[in-house]
């Protein structure tokens, strides 16, 4: 049996296991994820970085190709609250 890497395991979960969840359990399962994403996007600096970057970032391609993304998350650059998120 071949071992799955983390990305494959996560993808398999969302494509197979999550699809079997009843609607209410799905809502409960994604609520913490939505809260974190909402917190990220509510910060104007992080919003610009993630949603409207100066250069076109292709997160999907980075993950699929095993790429590396280095981001300076220093408190002085993006603020203490954003860095904590």
PDB file of N, CA and C in Angstrom:
ATOM      1  N   UNK A   1       0.831  -1.168   0.000  1.00  0.00           N
ATOM      2  CA  UNK A   1       0.000   0.000   0.000  1.00  0.00           C
ATOM      3  C   UNK A   1       0.888   1.248   0.000  1.00  0.00           C
ATOM      4  N   UNK A   2       0.543   2.198  -0.840  1.00  0.00           N
ATOM      5  CA  UNK A   2       1.336   3.418  -0.895  1.00  0.00           C
ATOM      6  C   UNK A   2       0.800   4.420   0.112  1.00  0.00           C
ATOM      7  N   UNK A   3       1.713   5.179   0.690  1.00  0.00           N
ATOM      8  CA  UNK A   3       1.277   6.187   1.654  1.00  0.00           C
ATOM      9  C   UNK A   3       0.892   7.460   0.911  1.00  0.00           C
ATOM     10  N   UNK A   4      -0.127   8.111   1.400  1.00  0.00           N
ATOM     11  CA  UNK A   4      -0.577   9.365   0.803  1.00  0.00           C
ATOM     12  C   UNK A   4       0.125  10.531   1.470  1.00  0.00           C
ATOM     13  N   UNK A   5       0.483  11.528   0.694  1.00  0.00           N
ATOM     14  CA  UNK A   5       1.043  12.716   1.330  1.00  0.00           C
ATOM     15  C   UNK A   5      -0.099  13.524   1.939  1.00  0.00           C
ATOM     16  N   UNK A   6       0.213  14.509   2.709  1.00  0.00           N
ATOM     17  CA  UNK A   6      -0.793  15.269   3.440  1.00  0.00           C
ATOM     18  C   UNK A   6      -1.815  15.901   2.502  1.00  0.00           C
ATOM     19  N   UNK A   7      -1.365  16.507   1.431  1.00  0.00           N
ATOM     20  CA  UNK A   7      -2.287  17.162   0.500  1.00  0.00           C
ATOM     21  C   UNK A   7      -3.264  16.153  -0.093  1.00  0.00           C
ATOM     22  N   UNK A   8      -2.773  14.983  -0.446  1.00  0.00           N
ATOM     23  CA  UNK A   8      -3.650  13.952  -1.001  1.00  0.00           C
ATOM     24  C   UNK A   8      -4.653  13.468   0.037  1.00  0.00           C
ATOM     25  N   UNK A   9      -4.215  13.334   1.280  1.00  0.00           N
ATOM     26  CA  UNK A   9      -5.100  12.890   2.350  1.00  0.00           C
ATOM     27  C   UNK A   9      -6.217  13.897   2.577  1.00  0.00           C
ATOM     28  N   UNK A  10      -5.846  15.177   2.620  1.00  0.00           N
ATOM     29  CA  UNK A  10      -6.841  16.232   2.830  1.00  0.00           C
ATOM     30  C   UNK A  10      -7.821  16.259   1.665  1.00  0.00           C
ATOM     31  N   UNK A  11      -7.316  16.187   0.463  1.00  0.00           N
ATOM     32  CA  UNK A  11      -8.177  16.202  -0.717  1.00  0.00           C
ATOM     33  C   UNK A  11      -9.124  15.010  -0.719  1.00  0.00           C
ATOM     34  N   UNK A  12      -8.613  13.855  -0.387  1.00  0.00           N
ATOM     35  CA  UNK A  12      -9.436  12.649  -0.332  1.00  0.00           C
ATOM     36  C   UNK A  12     -10.556  12.797   0.690  1.00  0.00           C
ATOM     37  N   UNK A  13     -10.235  13.390   1.840  1.00  0.00           N
ATOM     38  CA  UNK A  13     -11.260  13.627   2.852  1.00  0.00           C
ATOM     39  C   UNK A  13     -12.389  14.471   2.286  1.00  0.00           C
ATOM     40  N   UNK A  14     -12.054  15.617   1.677  1.00  0.00           N
ATOM     41  CA  UNK A  14     -13.091  16.528   1.189  1.00  0.00           C
ATOM     42  C   UNK A  14     -13.884  15.929   0.035  1.00  0.00           C
ATOM     43  N   UNK A  15     -13.234  15.119  -0.783  1.00  0.00           N
ATOM     44  CA  UNK A  15     -13.929  14.552  -1.936  1.00  0.00           C
ATOM     45  C   UNK A  15     -14.749  13.315  -1.601  1.00  0.00           C
ATOM     46  N   UNK A  16     -14.379  12.587  -0.578  1.00  0.00           N
ATOM     47  CA  UNK A  16     -15.098  11.340  -0.288  1.00  0.00           C
ATOM     48  C   UNK A  16     -15.827  11.378   1.052  1.00  0.00           C
ATOM     49  N   UNK A  17     -15.116  11.566   2.128  1.00  0.00           N
ATOM     50  CA  UNK A  17     -15.725  11.526   3.460  1.00  0.00           C
ATOM     51  C   UNK A  17     -16.696  12.678   3.693  1.00  0.00           C
ATOM     52  N   UNK A  18     -16.254  13.891   3.401  1.00  0.00           N
ATOM     53  CA  UNK A  18     -17.087  15.064   3.661  1.00  0.00           C
ATOM     54  C   UNK A  18     -18.392  14.987   2.882  1.00  0.00           C
ATOM     55  N   UNK A  19     -18.349  14.446   1.684  1.00  0.00           N
ATOM     56  CA  UNK A  19     -19.543  14.317   0.851  1.00  0.00           C
ATOM     57  C   UNK A  19     -20.597  13.424   1.494  1.00  0.00           C
ATOM     58  N   UNK A  20     -20.205  12.542   2.377  1.00  0.00           N
ATOM     59  CA  UNK A  20     -21.131  11.621   3.046  1.00  0.00           C
ATOM     60  C   UNK A  20     -21.773  12.234   4.290  1.00  0.00           C
ATOM     61  N   UNK A  21     -21.250  13.350   4.769  1.00  0.00           N
ATOM     62  CA  UNK A  21     -21.764  13.977   5.985  1.00  0.00           C
ATOM     63  C   UNK A  21     -23.172  14.520   5.746  1.00  0.00           C
ATOM     64  N   UNK A  22     -24.048  14.413   6.750  1.00  0.00           N
ATOM     65  CA  UNK A  22     -25.344  15.093   6.650  1.00  0.00           C
ATOM     66  C   UNK A  22     -25.133  16.609   6.645  1.00  0.00           C
ATOM     67  N   UNK A  23     -26.138  17.332   6.129  1.00  0.00           N
ATOM     68  CA  UNK A  23     -26.009  18.779   5.977  1.00  0.00           C
ATOM     69  C   UNK A  23     -25.605  19.445   7.283  1.00  0.00           C
ATOM     70  N   UNK A  24     -26.258  19.131   8.391  1.00  0.00           N
ATOM     71  CA  UNK A  24     -25.979  19.804   9.670  1.00  0.00           C
ATOM     72  C   UNK A  24     -24.535  19.560  10.118  1.00  0.00           C
ATOM     73  N   UNK A  25     -24.047  18.341   9.966  1.00  0.00           N
ATOM     74  CA  UNK A  25     -22.684  18.033  10.371  1.00  0.00           C
ATOM     75  C   UNK A  25     -21.679  18.747   9.476  1.00  0.00           C
ATOM     76  N   UNK A  26     -22.012  18.908   8.207  1.00  0.00           N
ATOM     77  CA  UNK A  26     -21.142  19.654   7.282  1.00  0.00           C
ATOM     78  C   UNK A  26     -20.989  21.093   7.770  1.00  0.00           C
ATOM     79  N   UNK A  27     -22.123  21.704   8.143  1.00  0.00           N
ATOM     80  CA  UNK A  27     -22.095  23.092   8.609  1.00  0.00           C
ATOM     81  C   UNK A  27     -21.227  23.221   9.859  1.00  0.00           C
ATOM     82  N   UNK A  28     -21.349  22.261  10.778  1.00  0.00           N
ATOM     83  CA  UNK A  28     -20.543  22.290  11.999  1.00  0.00           C
ATOM     84  C   UNK A  28     -19.067  22.052  11.702  1.00  0.00           C
ATOM     85  N   UNK A  29     -18.786  21.225  10.709  1.00  0.00           N
ATOM     86  CA  UNK A  29     -17.398  20.895  10.376  1.00  0.00           C
ATOM     87  C   UNK A  29     -16.670  22.071   9.733  1.00  0.00           C
ATOM     88  N   UNK A  30     -17.371  22.858   8.929  1.00  0.00           N
ATOM     89  CA  UNK A  30     -16.703  23.958   8.219  1.00  0.00           C
ATOM     90  C   UNK A  30     -16.738  25.278   8.978  1.00  0.00           C
ATOM     91  N   UNK A  31     -17.547  25.369  10.029  1.00  0.00           N
ATOM     92  CA  UNK A  31     -17.662  26.637  10.772  1.00  0.00           C
ATOM     93  C   UNK A  31     -16.312  27.167  11.263  1.00  0.00           C
ATOM     94  N   UNK A  32     -15.455  26.338  11.894  1.00  0.00           N
ATOM     95  CA  UNK A  32     -14.163  26.871  12.340  1.00  0.00           C
ATOM     96  C   UNK A  32     -13.280  27.350  11.180  1.00  0.00           C
ATOM     97  N   UNK A  33     -13.362  26.663  10.062  1.00  0.00           N
ATOM     98  CA  UNK A  33     -12.579  27.056   8.884  1.00  0.00           C
ATOM     99  C   UNK A  33     -13.080  28.404   8.369  1.00  0.00           C
ATOM    100  N   UNK A  34     -14.397  28.556   8.275  1.00  0.00           N
ATOM    101  CA  UNK A  34     -14.974  29.822   7.821  1.00  0.00           C
ATOM    102  C   UNK A  34     -14.617  30.965   8.757  1.00  0.00           C
ATOM    103  N   UNK A  35     -14.590  30.693  10.050  1.00  0.00           N
ATOM    104  CA  UNK A  35     -14.227  31.741  11.012  1.00  0.00           C
ATOM    105  C   UNK A  35     -12.801  32.223  10.790  1.00  0.00           C
ATOM    106  N   UNK A  36     -11.869  31.299  10.589  1.00  0.00           N
ATOM    107  CA  UNK A  36     -10.476  31.686  10.361  1.00  0.00           C
ATOM    108  C   UNK A  36     -10.321  32.445   9.051  1.00  0.00           C
ATOM    109  N   UNK A  37     -10.964  31.968   8.003  1.00  0.00           N
ATOM    110  CA  UNK A  37     -10.870  32.646   6.709  1.00  0.00           C
ATOM    111  C   UNK A  37     -11.498  34.033   6.804  1.00  0.00           C
ATOM    112  N   UNK A  38     -12.647  34.125   7.499  1.00  0.00           N
ATOM    113  CA  UNK A  38     -13.286  35.427   7.692  1.00  0.00           C
ATOM    114  C   UNK A  38     -12.388  36.393   8.431  1.00  0.00           C
ATOM    115  N   UNK A  39     -11.692  35.886   9.455  1.00  0.00           N
ATOM    116  CA  UNK A  39     -10.761  36.735  10.207  1.00  0.00           C
ATOM    117  C   UNK A  39      -9.621  37.205   9.317  1.00  0.00           C
ATOM    118  N   UNK A  40      -9.122  36.322   8.480  1.00  0.00           N
ATOM    119  CA  UNK A  40      -8.047  36.702   7.566  1.00  0.00           C
ATOM    120  C   UNK A  40      -8.513  37.789   6.599  1.00  0.00           C
ATOM    121  N   UNK A  41      -9.677  37.587   6.016  1.00  0.00           N
ATOM    122  CA  UNK A  41     -10.144  38.507   4.989  1.00  0.00           C
ATOM    123  C   UNK A  41     -10.709  39.801   5.540  1.00  0.00           C
ATOM    124  N   UNK A  42     -11.030  39.849   6.820  1.00  0.00           N
ATOM    125  CA  UNK A  42     -11.541  41.092   7.388  1.00  0.00           C
ATOM    126  C   UNK A  42     -10.424  42.114   7.625  1.00  0.00           C
ATOM    127  N   UNK A  43      -9.202  41.654   7.660  1.00  0.00           N
ATOM    128  CA  UNK A  43      -8.058  42.561   7.782  1.00  0.00           C
ATOM    129  C   UNK A  43      -7.731  43.095   6.389  1.00  0.00           C
ATOM    130  N   UNK A  44      -7.758  44.405   6.233  1.00  0.00           N
ATOM    131  CA  UNK A  44      -7.584  45.005   4.904  1.00  0.00           C
ATOM    132  C   UNK A  44      -6.239  44.654   4.262  1.00  0.00           C
ATOM    133  N   UNK A  45      -5.193  44.598   5.055  1.00  0.00           N
ATOM    134  CA  UNK A  45      -3.869  44.264   4.509  1.00  0.00           C
ATOM    135  C   UNK A  45      -3.843  42.831   4.013  1.00  0.00           C
ATOM    136  N   UNK A  46      -4.310  41.920   4.838  1.00  0.00           N
ATOM    137  CA  UNK A  46      -4.327  40.515   4.426  1.00  0.00           C
ATOM    138  C   UNK A  46      -5.274  40.296   3.258  1.00  0.00           C
ATOM    139  N   UNK A  47      -6.378  41.011   3.241  1.00  0.00           N
ATOM    140  CA  UNK A  47      -7.313  40.901   2.124  1.00  0.00           C
ATOM    141  C   UNK A  47      -6.620  41.244   0.809  1.00  0.00           C
ATOM    142  N   UNK A  48      -5.890  42.369   0.814  1.00  0.00           N
ATOM    143  CA  UNK A  48      -5.171  42.774  -0.410  1.00  0.00           C
ATOM    144  C   UNK A  48      -4.120  41.747  -0.801  1.00  0.00           C
ATOM    145  N   UNK A  49      -3.450  41.169   0.189  1.00  0.00           N
ATOM    146  CA  UNK A  49      -2.413  40.169  -0.101  1.00  0.00           C
ATOM    147  C   UNK A  49      -3.024  38.907  -0.686  1.00  0.00           C
ATOM    148  N   UNK A  50      -4.119  38.442  -0.091  1.00  0.00           N
ATOM    149  CA  UNK A  50      -4.705  37.160  -0.492  1.00  0.00           C
ATOM    150  C   UNK A  50      -5.657  37.248  -1.677  1.00  0.00           C
ATOM    151  N   UNK A  51      -6.383  38.358  -1.786  1.00  0.00           N
ATOM    152  CA  UNK A  51      -7.419  38.462  -2.808  1.00  0.00           C
ATOM    153  C   UNK A  51      -6.980  39.288  -4.012  1.00  0.00           C
ATOM    154  N   UNK A  52      -6.217  40.328  -3.777  1.00  0.00           N
ATOM    155  CA  UNK A  52      -5.821  41.205  -4.874  1.00  0.00           C
ATOM    156  C   UNK A  52      -4.320  41.485  -4.828  1.00  0.00           C
ATOM    157  N   UNK A  53      -3.506  40.447  -4.965  1.00  0.00           N
ATOM    158  CA  UNK A  53      -2.053  40.669  -4.896  1.00  0.00           C
ATOM    159  C   UNK A  53      -1.548  41.417  -6.127  1.00  0.00           C
ATOM    160  N   UNK A  54      -0.400  42.052  -5.953  1.00  0.00           N
ATOM    161  CA  UNK A  54       0.214  42.766  -7.083  1.00  0.00           C
ATOM    162  C   UNK A  54       0.657  41.805  -8.176  1.00  0.00           C
ATOM    163  N   UNK A  55       1.071  40.625  -7.765  1.00  0.00           N
ATOM    164  CA  UNK A  55       1.434  39.595  -8.740  1.00  0.00           C
ATOM    165  C   UNK A  55       0.421  38.463  -8.617  1.00  0.00           C
ATOM    166  N   UNK A  56       0.244  37.710  -9.664  1.00  0.00           N
ATOM    167  CA  UNK A  56      -0.739  36.641  -9.688  1.00  0.00           C
ATOM    168  C   UNK A  56      -0.194  35.412  -8.946  1.00  0.00           C
ATOM    169  N   UNK A  57      -0.729  35.159  -7.765  1.00  0.00           N
ATOM    170  CA  UNK A  57      -0.329  33.982  -7.007  1.00  0.00           C
ATOM    171  C   UNK A  57      -1.285  32.840  -7.325  1.00  0.00           C
ATOM    172  N   UNK A  58      -0.741  31.728  -7.691  1.00  0.00           N
ATOM    173  CA  UNK A  58      -1.571  30.558  -7.989  1.00  0.00           C
ATOM    174  C   UNK A  58      -1.335  29.515  -6.905  1.00  0.00           C
ATOM    175  N   UNK A  59      -2.127  29.659  -5.811  1.00  0.00           N
ATOM    176  CA  UNK A  59      -1.952  28.762  -4.671  1.00  0.00           C
ATOM    177  C   UNK A  59      -2.149  27.309  -5.064  1.00  0.00           C
ATOM    178  N   UNK A  60      -3.108  27.049  -5.913  1.00  0.00           N
ATOM    179  CA  UNK A  60      -3.382  25.669  -6.341  1.00  0.00           C
ATOM    180  C   UNK A  60      -2.165  25.077  -7.054  1.00  0.00           C
ATOM    181  N   UNK A  61      -1.577  25.838  -7.957  1.00  0.00           N
ATOM    182  CA  UNK A  61      -0.388  25.362  -8.672  1.00  0.00           C
ATOM    183  C   UNK A  61       0.773  25.138  -7.718  1.00  0.00           C
ATOM    184  N   UNK A  62       0.943  26.059  -6.758  1.00  0.00           N
ATOM    185  CA  UNK A  62       2.014  25.895  -5.773  1.00  0.00           C
ATOM    186  C   UNK A  62       1.856  24.585  -5.016  1.00  0.00           C
ATOM    187  N   UNK A  63       0.630  24.292  -4.578  1.00  0.00           N
ATOM    188  CA  UNK A  63       0.396  23.064  -3.814  1.00  0.00           C
ATOM    189  C   UNK A  63       0.566  21.825  -4.691  1.00  0.00           C
ATOM    190  N   UNK A  64      -0.036  21.848  -5.876  1.00  0.00           N
ATOM    191  CA  UNK A  64       0.026  20.674  -6.756  1.00  0.00           C
ATOM    192  C   UNK A  64       1.440  20.359  -7.216  1.00  0.00           C
ATOM    193  N   UNK A  65       2.247  21.396  -7.394  1.00  0.00           N
ATOM    194  CA  UNK A  65       3.603  21.204  -7.906  1.00  0.00           C
ATOM    195  C   UNK A  65       4.649  21.126  -6.805  1.00  0.00           C
ATOM    196  N   UNK A  66       4.198  21.155  -5.554  1.00  0.00           N
ATOM    197  CA  UNK A  66       5.138  21.067  -4.432  1.00  0.00           C
ATOM    198  C   UNK A  66       5.988  22.318  -4.292  1.00  0.00           C
ATOM    199  N   UNK A  67       5.445  23.442  -4.716  1.00  0.00           N
ATOM    200  CA  UNK A  67       6.185  24.700  -4.647  1.00  0.00           C
ATOM    201  C   UNK A  67       6.281  25.227  -3.229  1.00  0.00           C
ATOM    202  N   UNK A  68       7.036  26.300  -3.090  1.00  0.00           N
ATOM    203  CA  UNK A  68       7.240  26.930  -1.789  1.00  0.00           C
ATOM    204  C   UNK A  68       6.863  28.401  -1.911  1.00  0.00           C
ATOM    205  N   UNK A  69       6.117  28.885  -0.922  1.00  0.00           N
ATOM    206  CA  UNK A  69       5.759  30.288  -0.866  1.00  0.00           C
ATOM    207  C   UNK A  69       6.278  30.837   0.451  1.00  0.00           C
ATOM    208  N   UNK A  70       7.148  31.815   0.374  1.00  0.00           N
ATOM    209  CA  UNK A  70       7.673  32.459   1.575  1.00  0.00           C
ATOM    210  C   UNK A  70       6.976  33.802   1.748  1.00  0.00           C
ATOM    211  N   UNK A  71       6.437  34.027   2.937  1.00  0.00           N
ATOM    212  CA  UNK A  71       5.701  35.249   3.209  1.00  0.00           C
ATOM    213  C   UNK A  71       6.226  35.859   4.500  1.00  0.00           C
ATOM    214  N   UNK A  72       6.528  37.141   4.476  1.00  0.00           N
ATOM    215  CA  UNK A  72       6.980  37.838   5.659  1.00  0.00           C
ATOM    216  C   UNK A  72       5.761  38.222   6.487  1.00  0.00           C
ATOM    217  N   UNK A  73       5.558  37.518   7.585  1.00  0.00           N
ATOM    218  CA  UNK A  73       4.413  37.778   8.452  1.00  0.00           C
ATOM    219  C   UNK A  73       4.836  38.480   9.736  1.00  0.00           C
ATOM    220  N   UNK A  74       5.882  39.268   9.655  1.00  0.00           N
ATOM    221  CA  UNK A  74       6.373  39.994  10.821  1.00  0.00           C
ATOM    222  C   UNK A  74       5.313  40.978  11.304  1.00  0.00           C
ATOM    223  N   UNK A  75       5.192  41.091  12.617  1.00  0.00           N
ATOM    224  CA  UNK A  75       4.192  41.984  13.211  1.00  0.00           C
ATOM    225  C   UNK A  75       4.334  43.411  12.697  1.00  0.00           C
ATOM    226  N   UNK A  76       5.560  43.854  12.494  1.00  0.00           N
ATOM    227  CA  UNK A  76       5.797  45.215  12.041  1.00  0.00           C
ATOM    228  C   UNK A  76       5.317  45.476  10.623  1.00  0.00           C
ATOM    229  N   UNK A  77       5.228  44.440   9.813  1.00  0.00           N
ATOM    230  CA  UNK A  77       4.796  44.612   8.420  1.00  0.00           C
ATOM    231  C   UNK A  77       3.292  44.552   8.256  1.00  0.00           C
ATOM    232  N   UNK A  78       2.646  43.605   8.950  1.00  0.00           N
ATOM    233  CA  UNK A  78       1.210  43.420   8.736  1.00  0.00           C
ATOM    234  C   UNK A  78       0.367  43.707   9.967  1.00  0.00           C
ATOM    235  N   UNK A  79       0.990  44.035  11.068  1.00  0.00           N
ATOM    236  CA  UNK A  79       0.247  44.316  12.298  1.00  0.00           C
ATOM    237  C   UNK A  79       0.166  43.084  13.192  1.00  0.00           C
ATOM    238  N   UNK A  80       0.064  43.327  14.475  1.00  0.00           N
ATOM    239  CA  UNK A  80       0.080  42.235  15.450  1.00  0.00           C
ATOM    240  C   UNK A  80      -1.124  41.318  15.327  1.00  0.00           C
ATOM    241  N   UNK A  81      -2.309  41.878  15.142  1.00  0.00           N
ATOM    242  CA  UNK A  81      -3.506  41.053  15.025  1.00  0.00           C
ATOM    243  C   UNK A  81      -3.446  40.144  13.793  1.00  0.00           C
ATOM    244  N   UNK A  82      -3.027  40.702  12.676  1.00  0.00           N
ATOM    245  CA  UNK A  82      -2.934  39.905  11.451  1.00  0.00           C
ATOM    246  C   UNK A  82      -1.876  38.822  11.580  1.00  0.00           C
ATOM    247  N   UNK A  83      -0.762  39.130  12.195  1.00  0.00           N
ATOM    248  CA  UNK A  83       0.295  38.140  12.377  1.00  0.00           C
ATOM    249  C   UNK A  83      -0.185  37.000  13.269  1.00  0.00           C
ATOM    250  N   UNK A  84      -1.001  37.306  14.268  1.00  0.00           N
ATOM    251  CA  UNK A  84      -1.516  36.275  15.166  1.00  0.00           C
ATOM    252  C   UNK A  84      -2.469  35.335  14.453  1.00  0.00           C
ATOM    253  N   UNK A  85      -3.217  35.850  13.494  1.00  0.00           N
ATOM    254  CA  UNK A  85      -4.147  35.013  12.735  1.00  0.00           C
ATOM    255  C   UNK A  85      -3.360  34.026  11.918  1.00  0.00           C
TER     256      UNK A  85
END
